[in-house]
Amino acid sequence: MRIAVLGTGRVGQTMAARLAELGHTVTIGTRDPEATLSRTAPDAMGTPPLVAWAADHPGIGVARFADAAAGADLIVNATNGGASLDALTQAGTENLDGKVILDIANPLDTTQGMPPTLFVKDTDSLGEQIQRAFPAARVVKSLNTLTAEFQAYPARLPETGTVFVSGNDAAAKSSVTELLKDFGHQDVIDLGDITTARGAEMVMPLWLRLWGALGSPAFNFKIVR
């Protein structure tokens, strides 16, 4: 497939590299490619600048959000959750209509310090907000319950865990599920329509505290049944 990965941080870089490794044609989308590629310092999370990563991945293009989305069959939202709606708006409604948006972002709010809270929960979710904003797109929430490395390379854990999909479109969920299996995810649970993204996103407060307790994000959840 032709896949646009929106977001240039650790999640976007990891996802883009894995998709290209699997044979997909990948373009990373950003607000301003020239400005993004001119940065030489790591980001706030310590992720190396995109220019260094891009040099190691010459087959992956870097383009404005709209240009990346226009030529894509599938779009991965790997942006910061607080910026997701703006990034997708910049991608252009006409470039999203009818397409699957794999939303892996979380609605994290760091304005009150760490650990983050959620800026939307209980009665709504980021996944739902994206679906409402772009009603002709086919939004599938998934992969937001584990860190970037294990989203893309689940076999790097001693035992693969469980991931979830939420969305209104059965064919879109099936397409995403096949992609997850290509990554190596063996246990994919369909939670239901896009409103079930609330549950997947509300896993994050527990995930963050487990990271603190374990001293590492190298874990996943497994549903035993």
C-alpha atoms as a PDB file:
ATOM      1  CA  MET A   1       0.000   0.000   0.000  1.00  0.00           C
ATOM      2  CA  ARG A   2       0.880   3.662  -0.179  1.00  0.00           C
ATOM      3  CA  ILE A   3       0.851   4.814   3.423  1.00  0.00           C
ATOM      4  CA  ALA A   4       1.136   8.285   4.930  1.00  0.00           C
ATOM      5  CA  VAL A   5       2.423   8.428   8.488  1.00  0.00           C
ATOM      6  CA  LEU A   6       1.517  11.782  10.007  1.00  0.00           C
ATOM      7  CA  GLY A   7       3.980  12.707  12.746  1.00  0.00           C
ATOM      8  CA  THR A   8       7.759  12.844  12.868  1.00  0.00           C
ATOM      9  CA  GLY A   9       8.440  11.873  16.493  1.00  0.00           C
ATOM     10  CA  ARG A  10       9.543   8.498  17.802  1.00  0.00           C
ATOM     11  CA  VAL A  11       6.169   6.859  17.078  1.00  0.00           C
ATOM     12  CA  GLY A  12       6.015   8.199  13.536  1.00  0.00           C
ATOM     13  CA  GLN A  13       9.609   7.272  12.770  1.00  0.00           C
ATOM     14  CA  THR A  14       9.238   3.767  14.191  1.00  0.00           C
ATOM     15  CA  MET A  15       5.957   3.126  12.386  1.00  0.00           C
ATOM     16  CA  ALA A  16       7.233   4.475   9.067  1.00  0.00           C
ATOM     17  CA  ALA A  17      10.385   2.357   9.218  1.00  0.00           C
ATOM     18  CA  ARG A  18       8.430  -0.797  10.000  1.00  0.00           C
ATOM     19  CA  LEU A  19       5.899  -0.219   7.228  1.00  0.00           C
ATOM     20  CA  ALA A  20       8.670   0.367   4.703  1.00  0.00           C
ATOM     21  CA  GLU A  21      10.403  -2.800   5.932  1.00  0.00           C
ATOM     22  CA  LEU A  22       7.199  -4.692   5.145  1.00  0.00           C
ATOM     23  CA  GLY A  23       7.270  -3.423   1.564  1.00  0.00           C
ATOM     24  CA  HIS A  24       4.832  -0.512   1.701  1.00  0.00           C
ATOM     25  CA  THR A  25       5.516   2.826   0.029  1.00  0.00           C
ATOM     26  CA  VAL A  26       5.728   5.270   2.921  1.00  0.00           C
ATOM     27  CA  THR A  27       5.718   9.035   3.222  1.00  0.00           C
ATOM     28  CA  ILE A  28       6.065  10.867   6.528  1.00  0.00           C
ATOM     29  CA  GLY A  29       3.838  13.912   6.819  1.00  0.00           C
ATOM     30  CA  THR A  30       4.794  17.053   8.715  1.00  0.00           C
ATOM     31  CA  ARG A  31       3.619  20.653   8.900  1.00  0.00           C
ATOM     32  CA  ASP A  32       6.719  22.126   7.244  1.00  0.00           C
ATOM     33  CA  PRO A  33       9.234  19.644   5.804  1.00  0.00           C
ATOM     34  CA  GLU A  34      11.963  22.244   5.345  1.00  0.00           C
ATOM     35  CA  ALA A  35      11.726  23.434   8.933  1.00  0.00           C
ATOM     36  CA  THR A  36      11.465  19.884  10.272  1.00  0.00           C
ATOM     37  CA  LEU A  37      14.526  18.718   8.351  1.00  0.00           C
ATOM     38  CA  SER A  38      16.521  21.773   9.444  1.00  0.00           C
ATOM     39  CA  ARG A  39      16.344  20.824  13.127  1.00  0.00           C
ATOM     40  CA  THR A  40      19.531  19.333  14.511  1.00  0.00           C
ATOM     41  CA  ALA A  41      18.601  18.819  18.174  1.00  0.00           C
ATOM     42  CA  PRO A  42      16.586  15.931  19.646  1.00  0.00           C
ATOM     43  CA  ASP A  43      12.949  16.640  20.464  1.00  0.00           C
ATOM     44  CA  ALA A  44      11.513  16.954  23.973  1.00  0.00           C
ATOM     45  CA  MET A  45      11.347  13.160  24.255  1.00  0.00           C
ATOM     46  CA  GLY A  46      14.968  12.714  23.206  1.00  0.00           C
ATOM     47  CA  THR A  47      14.111  11.477  19.718  1.00  0.00           C
ATOM     48  CA  PRO A  48      16.947  12.196  17.262  1.00  0.00           C
ATOM     49  CA  PRO A  49      16.184  14.889  14.655  1.00  0.00           C
ATOM     50  CA  LEU A  50      14.326  13.718  11.591  1.00  0.00           C
ATOM     51  CA  VAL A  51      17.162  14.723   9.277  1.00  0.00           C
ATOM     52  CA  ALA A  52      19.424  12.045  10.792  1.00  0.00           C
ATOM     53  CA  TRP A  53      16.668   9.417  10.639  1.00  0.00           C
ATOM     54  CA  ALA A  54      15.776  10.342   7.046  1.00  0.00           C
ATOM     55  CA  ALA A  55      19.392   9.863   5.969  1.00  0.00           C
ATOM     56  CA  ASP A  56      19.185   6.287   7.229  1.00  0.00           C
ATOM     57  CA  HIS A  57      15.820   5.718   5.490  1.00  0.00           C
ATOM     58  CA  PRO A  58      16.266   7.189   1.992  1.00  0.00           C
ATOM     59  CA  GLY A  59      13.288   5.276   0.608  1.00  0.00           C
ATOM     60  CA  ILE A  60      10.824   7.098   2.871  1.00  0.00           C
ATOM     61  CA  GLY A  61       9.634  10.484   1.668  1.00  0.00           C
ATOM     62  CA  VAL A  62       8.995  13.562   3.785  1.00  0.00           C
ATOM     63  CA  ALA A  63       6.170  15.871   2.705  1.00  0.00           C
ATOM     64  CA  ARG A  64       3.579  18.293   3.958  1.00  0.00           C
ATOM     65  CA  PHE A  65       0.574  16.678   5.620  1.00  0.00           C
ATOM     66  CA  ALA A  66      -1.656  17.321   2.597  1.00  0.00           C
ATOM     67  CA  ASP A  67       0.833  16.001   0.055  1.00  0.00           C
ATOM     68  CA  ALA A  68       1.497  12.865   2.110  1.00  0.00           C
ATOM     69  CA  ALA A  69      -2.215  12.157   2.574  1.00  0.00           C
ATOM     70  CA  ALA A  70      -3.194  12.893  -1.023  1.00  0.00           C
ATOM     71  CA  GLY A  71      -1.265   9.962  -2.438  1.00  0.00           C
ATOM     72  CA  ALA A  72      -2.001   7.501   0.358  1.00  0.00           C
ATOM     73  CA  ASP A  73      -4.261   4.474   0.499  1.00  0.00           C
ATOM     74  CA  LEU A  74      -4.046   4.430   4.301  1.00  0.00           C
ATOM     75  CA  ILE A  75      -3.149   7.166   6.786  1.00  0.00           C
ATOM     76  CA  VAL A  76      -1.545   6.589  10.183  1.00  0.00           C
ATOM     77  CA  ASN A  77      -2.154   9.312  12.754  1.00  0.00           C
ATOM     78  CA  ALA A  78       1.048   9.217  14.808  1.00  0.00           C
ATOM     79  CA  THR A  79       0.886  12.851  15.898  1.00  0.00           C
ATOM     80  CA  ASN A  80       0.720  14.162  19.448  1.00  0.00           C
ATOM     81  CA  GLY A  81      -2.904  13.692  20.485  1.00  0.00           C
ATOM     82  CA  GLY A  82      -3.383  17.365  21.240  1.00  0.00           C
ATOM     83  CA  ALA A  83      -2.316  18.244  17.711  1.00  0.00           C
ATOM     84  CA  SER A  84      -4.098  15.435  15.876  1.00  0.00           C
ATOM     85  CA  LEU A  85      -7.184  17.322  14.720  1.00  0.00           C
ATOM     86  CA  ASP A  86      -5.086  20.231  13.482  1.00  0.00           C
ATOM     87  CA  ALA A  87      -2.693  17.933  11.613  1.00  0.00           C
ATOM     88  CA  LEU A  88      -5.546  16.034   9.974  1.00  0.00           C
ATOM     89  CA  THR A  89      -7.248  19.304   9.055  1.00  0.00           C
ATOM     90  CA  GLN A  90      -4.023  20.384   7.365  1.00  0.00           C
ATOM     91  CA  ALA A  91      -3.985  17.037   5.557  1.00  0.00           C
ATOM     92  CA  GLY A  92      -7.253  18.117   3.937  1.00  0.00           C
ATOM     93  CA  THR A  93     -10.716  16.635   4.152  1.00  0.00           C
ATOM     94  CA  GLU A  94     -10.627  15.803   0.452  1.00  0.00           C
ATOM     95  CA  ASN A  95      -7.470  13.734   1.021  1.00  0.00           C
ATOM     96  CA  LEU A  96      -9.061  11.795   3.879  1.00  0.00           C
ATOM     97  CA  ASP A  97     -12.494  11.011   2.467  1.00  0.00           C
ATOM     98  CA  GLY A  98     -13.055   7.285   2.069  1.00  0.00           C
ATOM     99  CA  LYS A  99      -9.627   6.397   3.440  1.00  0.00           C
ATOM    100  CA  VAL A 100      -8.742   4.359   6.501  1.00  0.00           C
ATOM    101  CA  ILE A 101      -7.176   6.443   9.268  1.00  0.00           C
ATOM    102  CA  LEU A 102      -5.315   4.246  11.730  1.00  0.00           C
ATOM    103  CA  ASP A 103      -5.351   6.419  14.836  1.00  0.00           C
ATOM    104  CA  ILE A 104      -2.617   5.432  17.300  1.00  0.00           C
ATOM    105  CA  ALA A 105      -2.491   8.741  19.198  1.00  0.00           C
ATOM    106  CA  ASN A 106      -3.467   9.297  22.827  1.00  0.00           C
ATOM    107  CA  PRO A 107      -5.253  12.358  24.276  1.00  0.00           C
ATOM    108  CA  LEU A 108      -2.491  13.123  26.794  1.00  0.00           C
ATOM    109  CA  ASP A 109      -2.531  16.392  28.719  1.00  0.00           C
ATOM    110  CA  THR A 110       0.802  17.379  30.288  1.00  0.00           C
ATOM    111  CA  THR A 111      -0.212  20.916  31.290  1.00  0.00           C
ATOM    112  CA  GLN A 112      -0.513  19.911  34.935  1.00  0.00           C
ATOM    113  CA  GLY A 113       2.777  18.026  34.999  1.00  0.00           C
ATOM    114  CA  MET A 114       3.595  14.346  34.977  1.00  0.00           C
ATOM    115  CA  PRO A 115       2.165  11.791  34.703  1.00  0.00           C
ATOM    116  CA  PRO A 116      -0.212  13.172  32.086  1.00  0.00           C
ATOM    117  CA  THR A 117      -3.970  13.133  32.409  1.00  0.00           C
ATOM    118  CA  LEU A 118      -6.414  12.691  29.509  1.00  0.00           C
ATOM    119  CA  PHE A 119      -7.979  15.772  27.942  1.00  0.00           C
ATOM    120  CA  VAL A 120     -10.975  13.705  26.823  1.00  0.00           C
ATOM    121  CA  LYS A 121     -12.394  10.575  28.451  1.00  0.00           C
ATOM    122  CA  ASP A 122     -15.473   8.752  29.775  1.00  0.00           C
ATOM    123  CA  THR A 123     -18.060  10.233  27.410  1.00  0.00           C
ATOM    124  CA  ASP A 124     -15.870  10.848  24.372  1.00  0.00           C
ATOM    125  CA  SER A 125     -12.482   9.932  22.907  1.00  0.00           C
ATOM    126  CA  LEU A 126      -9.897  11.280  20.513  1.00  0.00           C
ATOM    127  CA  GLY A 127     -10.860   8.548  18.068  1.00  0.00           C
ATOM    128  CA  GLU A 128     -14.471   9.744  18.106  1.00  0.00           C
ATOM    129  CA  GLN A 129     -13.433  13.369  17.729  1.00  0.00           C
ATOM    130  CA  ILE A 130     -11.455  12.471  14.614  1.00  0.00           C
ATOM    131  CA  GLN A 131     -14.371  10.467  13.189  1.00  0.00           C
ATOM    132  CA  ARG A 132     -16.799  13.341  13.798  1.00  0.00           C
ATOM    133  CA  ALA A 133     -14.432  15.874  12.259  1.00  0.00           C
ATOM    134  CA  PHE A 134     -13.935  13.720   9.154  1.00  0.00           C
ATOM    135  CA  PRO A 135     -17.172  11.750   8.767  1.00  0.00           C
ATOM    136  CA  ALA A 136     -16.297  10.343   5.332  1.00  0.00           C
ATOM    137  CA  ALA A 137     -13.015   8.881   6.613  1.00  0.00           C
ATOM    138  CA  ARG A 138     -12.925   5.417   8.177  1.00  0.00           C
ATOM    139  CA  VAL A 139     -11.231   5.783  11.555  1.00  0.00           C
ATOM    140  CA  VAL A 140      -9.813   2.754  13.345  1.00  0.00           C
ATOM    141  CA  LYS A 141      -8.332   3.180  16.814  1.00  0.00           C
ATOM    142  CA  SER A 142      -5.541   0.758  17.621  1.00  0.00           C
ATOM    143  CA  LEU A 143      -2.003   0.310  18.978  1.00  0.00           C
ATOM    144  CA  ASN A 144      -2.308   3.158  21.496  1.00  0.00           C
ATOM    145  CA  THR A 145      -1.891   0.788  24.463  1.00  0.00           C
ATOM    146  CA  LEU A 146       1.813   0.029  24.042  1.00  0.00           C
ATOM    147  CA  THR A 147       5.001   1.872  23.249  1.00  0.00           C
ATOM    148  CA  ALA A 148       6.221   2.541  19.708  1.00  0.00           C
ATOM    149  CA  GLU A 149       8.830  -0.226  19.548  1.00  0.00           C
ATOM    150  CA  PHE A 150       6.304  -2.914  20.436  1.00  0.00           C
ATOM    151  CA  GLN A 151       3.565  -1.430  18.296  1.00  0.00           C
ATOM    152  CA  ALA A 152       5.801  -2.132  15.323  1.00  0.00           C
ATOM    153  CA  TYR A 153       7.831  -5.108  16.593  1.00  0.00           C
ATOM    154  CA  PRO A 154       5.709  -7.061  19.099  1.00  0.00           C
ATOM    155  CA  ALA A 155       7.975 -10.120  18.801  1.00  0.00           C
ATOM    156  CA  ARG A 156      10.687  -8.201  20.656  1.00  0.00           C
ATOM    157  CA  LEU A 157       8.781  -8.946  23.857  1.00  0.00           C
ATOM    158  CA  PRO A 158       9.212 -12.451  25.317  1.00  0.00           C
ATOM    159  CA  GLU A 159       5.520 -13.069  24.678  1.00  0.00           C
ATOM    160  CA  THR A 160       3.209 -11.123  22.380  1.00  0.00           C
ATOM    161  CA  GLY A 161       0.224  -9.573  24.107  1.00  0.00           C
ATOM    162  CA  THR A 162      -3.150  -8.242  23.055  1.00  0.00           C
ATOM    163  CA  VAL A 163      -4.043  -5.225  20.939  1.00  0.00           C
ATOM    164  CA  PHE A 164      -7.461  -3.758  20.221  1.00  0.00           C
ATOM    165  CA  VAL A 165      -9.344  -2.235  17.305  1.00  0.00           C
ATOM    166  CA  SER A 166     -12.312   0.145  17.460  1.00  0.00           C
ATOM    167  CA  GLY A 167     -14.177   1.590  14.494  1.00  0.00           C
ATOM    168  CA  ASN A 168     -17.467   1.898  12.685  1.00  0.00           C
ATOM    169  CA  ASP A 169     -16.382   0.309   9.413  1.00  0.00           C
ATOM    170  CA  ALA A 170     -15.930  -3.471   9.427  1.00  0.00           C
ATOM    171  CA  ALA A 171     -13.825  -3.519   6.253  1.00  0.00           C
ATOM    172  CA  ALA A 172     -11.508  -0.833   7.658  1.00  0.00           C
ATOM    173  CA  LYS A 173     -11.043  -2.812  10.864  1.00  0.00           C
ATOM    174  CA  SER A 174     -10.318  -5.936   8.845  1.00  0.00           C
ATOM    175  CA  SER A 175      -7.678  -4.084   6.816  1.00  0.00           C
ATOM    176  CA  VAL A 176      -6.031  -2.742   9.961  1.00  0.00           C
ATOM    177  CA  THR A 177      -6.160  -6.158  11.605  1.00  0.00           C
ATOM    178  CA  GLU A 178      -4.287  -7.682   8.671  1.00  0.00           C
ATOM    179  CA  LEU A 179      -1.658  -4.972   8.976  1.00  0.00           C
ATOM    180  CA  LEU A 180      -1.329  -5.648  12.715  1.00  0.00           C
ATOM    181  CA  LYS A 181      -0.797  -9.323  11.977  1.00  0.00           C
ATOM    182  CA  ASP A 182       1.892  -8.410   9.474  1.00  0.00           C
ATOM    183  CA  PHE A 183       3.614  -6.545  12.303  1.00  0.00           C
ATOM    184  CA  GLY A 184       3.447  -9.758  14.336  1.00  0.00           C
ATOM    185  CA  HIS A 185       0.462  -9.128  16.591  1.00  0.00           C
ATOM    186  CA  GLN A 186      -1.252 -12.459  17.153  1.00  0.00           C
ATOM    187  CA  ASP A 187      -4.144 -11.491  19.428  1.00  0.00           C
ATOM    188  CA  VAL A 188      -6.337  -8.678  18.075  1.00  0.00           C
ATOM    189  CA  ILE A 189      -9.659  -8.012  19.812  1.00  0.00           C
ATOM    190  CA  ASP A 190     -12.375  -6.038  18.008  1.00  0.00           C
ATOM    191  CA  LEU A 191     -13.960  -3.943  20.768  1.00  0.00           C
ATOM    192  CA  GLY A 192     -16.767  -2.634  18.565  1.00  0.00           C
ATOM    193  CA  ASP A 193     -17.638   0.759  17.111  1.00  0.00           C
ATOM    194  CA  ILE A 194     -15.564   3.912  17.490  1.00  0.00           C
ATOM    195  CA  THR A 195     -17.125   4.747  20.876  1.00  0.00           C
ATOM    196  CA  THR A 196     -15.174   1.807  22.317  1.00  0.00           C
ATOM    197  CA  ALA A 197     -11.996   3.806  21.701  1.00  0.00           C
ATOM    198  CA  ARG A 198     -12.845   5.425  25.047  1.00  0.00           C
ATOM    199  CA  GLY A 199     -11.866   2.231  26.817  1.00  0.00           C
ATOM    200  CA  ALA A 200      -8.647   1.783  24.854  1.00  0.00           C
ATOM    201  CA  GLU A 201      -7.609   5.384  25.509  1.00  0.00           C
ATOM    202  CA  MET A 202      -8.474   5.152  29.209  1.00  0.00           C
ATOM    203  CA  VAL A 203      -5.974   2.310  29.534  1.00  0.00           C
ATOM    204  CA  MET A 204      -3.258   4.965  29.324  1.00  0.00           C
ATOM    205  CA  PRO A 205      -3.332   6.144  32.970  1.00  0.00           C
ATOM    206  CA  LEU A 206      -2.731   2.529  34.039  1.00  0.00           C
ATOM    207  CA  TRP A 207      -0.042   2.071  31.377  1.00  0.00           C
ATOM    208  CA  LEU A 208       1.803   5.180  32.549  1.00  0.00           C
ATOM    209  CA  ARG A 209       1.774   4.041  36.160  1.00  0.00           C
ATOM    210  CA  LEU A 210       2.943   0.579  35.198  1.00  0.00           C
ATOM    211  CA  TRP A 211       5.870   2.224  33.410  1.00  0.00           C
ATOM    212  CA  GLY A 212       6.667   4.032  36.642  1.00  0.00           C
ATOM    213  CA  ALA A 213       6.352   0.893  38.742  1.00  0.00           C
ATOM    214  CA  LEU A 214       8.357  -1.313  36.377  1.00  0.00           C
ATOM    215  CA  GLY A 215      10.900   1.337  35.469  1.00  0.00           C
ATOM    216  CA  SER A 216      10.485   0.523  31.769  1.00  0.00           C
ATOM    217  CA  PRO A 217       7.870   0.735  28.997  1.00  0.00           C
ATOM    218  CA  ALA A 218       8.893  -2.727  27.742  1.00  0.00           C
ATOM    219  CA  PHE A 219       5.591  -4.477  28.403  1.00  0.00           C
ATOM    220  CA  ASN A 220       2.165  -5.121  26.934  1.00  0.00           C
ATOM    221  CA  PHE A 221      -1.202  -6.231  28.226  1.00  0.00           C
ATOM    222  CA  LYS A 222      -2.483  -9.740  27.564  1.00  0.00           C
ATOM    223  CA  ILE A 223      -6.147 -10.679  27.826  1.00  0.00           C
ATOM    224  CA  VAL A 224      -6.341 -14.247  29.174  1.00  0.00           C
ATOM    225  CA  ARG A 225      -9.605 -16.002  28.360  1.00  0.00           C
END
